[in-house]
Amino acid sequence: MEAHVSVDGSVATIAVSGSINTNTAPDFEKAVGEAFSNGDVTSVVFDFSDLEYISSAGLRVLMVAYKQVMAKGGTLAIEGSSDEVMEVFEITGIADLLGL
């Protein structure tokens, strides 16, 4: 798993490739923390165009990011999810929560 964070004003974009699982979730969490380390960030866009898989450990990190964004009055968006990743979001109810 690789994650690249870029910040433009109040919006952080986190591009993730590979798989987020129990072993890589700490790295994903670190990338989310990096995005929020800039005090101006209120909204996050996850670019999952190259994400192959996300486990419950990754979903937990995603929900922590969602709570942080909501606490700041911002938004969280997900772009480019594959059908397989989108199915995980739908089964878990995250798709409804995020309006995907």
Protein backbone atom coordinates (compact mmCIF):
# COMPACT_ATOMS: atom_id res chain seq x y z
CA MET A 1 0.00 0.00 0.00
CA GLU A 2 1.18 3.46 -0.86
CA ALA A 3 -0.50 6.71 0.08
CA HIS A 4 0.37 10.16 -1.20
CA VAL A 5 -0.99 13.26 0.50
CA SER A 6 -1.36 16.64 -1.16
CA VAL A 7 -2.95 19.72 0.36
CA ASP A 8 -4.54 22.60 -1.52
CA GLY A 9 -5.87 25.19 0.90
CA SER A 10 -8.42 23.52 3.15
CA VAL A 11 -8.66 20.31 1.07
CA ALA A 12 -6.33 17.34 1.44
CA THR A 13 -6.24 14.66 -1.23
CA ILE A 14 -5.00 11.21 -0.27
CA ALA A 15 -4.24 8.96 -3.24
CA VAL A 16 -3.99 5.31 -2.20
CA SER A 17 -2.75 2.35 -4.22
CA GLY A 18 -2.49 -1.34 -3.43
CA SER A 19 -4.34 -2.97 -0.54
CA ILE A 20 -5.36 -1.63 2.84
CA ASN A 21 -5.40 -4.53 5.27
CA THR A 22 -4.42 -5.25 8.86
CA ASN A 23 -0.73 -4.90 8.01
CA THR A 24 -1.01 -1.67 5.98
CA ALA A 25 -3.79 0.12 7.89
CA PRO A 26 -1.25 1.82 10.21
CA ASP A 27 0.41 3.37 7.14
CA PHE A 28 -3.00 4.49 5.87
CA GLU A 29 -3.74 5.99 9.29
CA LYS A 30 -0.39 7.79 9.21
CA ALA A 31 -1.29 9.34 5.83
CA VAL A 32 -4.63 10.53 7.22
CA GLY A 33 -2.83 12.01 10.21
CA GLU A 34 -0.41 13.76 7.88
CA ALA A 35 -3.33 15.30 6.00
CA PHE A 36 -4.81 16.65 9.24
CA SER A 37 -1.46 17.86 10.55
CA ASN A 38 -2.03 20.96 8.42
CA GLY A 39 -4.41 22.90 10.66
CA ASP A 40 -6.16 24.48 7.66
CA VAL A 41 -7.49 21.15 6.35
CA THR A 42 -11.22 20.72 6.86
CA SER A 43 -12.07 18.42 3.94
CA VAL A 44 -10.53 15.24 2.58
CA VAL A 45 -10.76 13.57 -0.82
CA PHE A 46 -9.68 9.94 -1.00
CA ASP A 47 -8.54 8.96 -4.47
CA PHE A 48 -9.05 5.20 -4.57
CA SER A 49 -8.49 4.82 -8.33
CA ASP A 50 -5.59 2.43 -7.68
CA LEU A 51 -6.93 0.80 -4.50
CA GLU A 52 -7.37 -2.94 -4.99
CA TYR A 53 -8.75 -3.96 -1.58
CA ILE A 54 -9.84 -2.48 1.75
CA SER A 55 -10.36 -4.54 4.91
CA SER A 56 -12.24 -3.69 8.08
CA ALA A 57 -9.00 -2.22 9.46
CA GLY A 58 -8.96 0.24 6.57
CA LEU A 59 -12.65 0.99 7.01
CA ARG A 60 -11.97 1.89 10.64
CA VAL A 61 -9.36 4.45 9.57
CA LEU A 62 -11.79 5.81 6.99
CA MET A 63 -14.45 6.26 9.67
CA VAL A 64 -11.99 8.02 12.00
CA ALA A 65 -11.20 10.42 9.14
CA TYR A 66 -14.93 10.93 8.57
CA LYS A 67 -15.45 11.86 12.23
CA GLN A 68 -12.53 14.30 12.12
CA VAL A 69 -13.90 15.97 8.99
CA MET A 70 -17.40 16.23 10.42
CA ALA A 71 -16.03 17.77 13.62
CA LYS A 72 -14.43 20.49 11.49
CA GLY A 73 -17.61 21.07 9.50
CA GLY A 74 -15.98 19.81 6.32
CA THR A 75 -16.64 17.10 3.78
CA LEU A 76 -15.20 13.71 2.93
CA ALA A 77 -15.32 12.42 -0.63
CA ILE A 78 -14.18 9.22 -2.29
CA GLU A 79 -13.19 9.14 -5.94
CA GLY A 80 -12.39 6.34 -8.36
CA SER A 81 -13.35 3.24 -6.35
CA SER A 82 -13.34 -0.05 -8.22
CA ASP A 83 -16.49 -2.15 -8.28
CA GLU A 84 -14.96 -4.48 -5.68
CA VAL A 85 -14.11 -1.67 -3.25
CA MET A 86 -17.48 -0.01 -3.85
CA GLU A 87 -19.19 -3.30 -3.00
CA VAL A 88 -17.44 -3.28 0.41
CA PHE A 89 -18.69 0.28 0.98
CA GLU A 90 -22.23 -0.74 0.04
CA ILE A 91 -22.28 -3.88 2.19
CA THR A 92 -20.99 -2.01 5.25
CA GLY A 93 -23.30 0.99 4.80
CA ILE A 94 -20.44 3.40 4.26
CA ALA A 95 -21.73 4.18 0.78
CA ASP A 96 -24.99 5.48 2.26
CA LEU A 97 -23.21 7.40 5.00
CA LEU A 98 -20.94 9.16 2.51
CA GLY A 99 -23.55 9.54 -0.21
CA LEU A 100 -21.65 7.38 -2.70
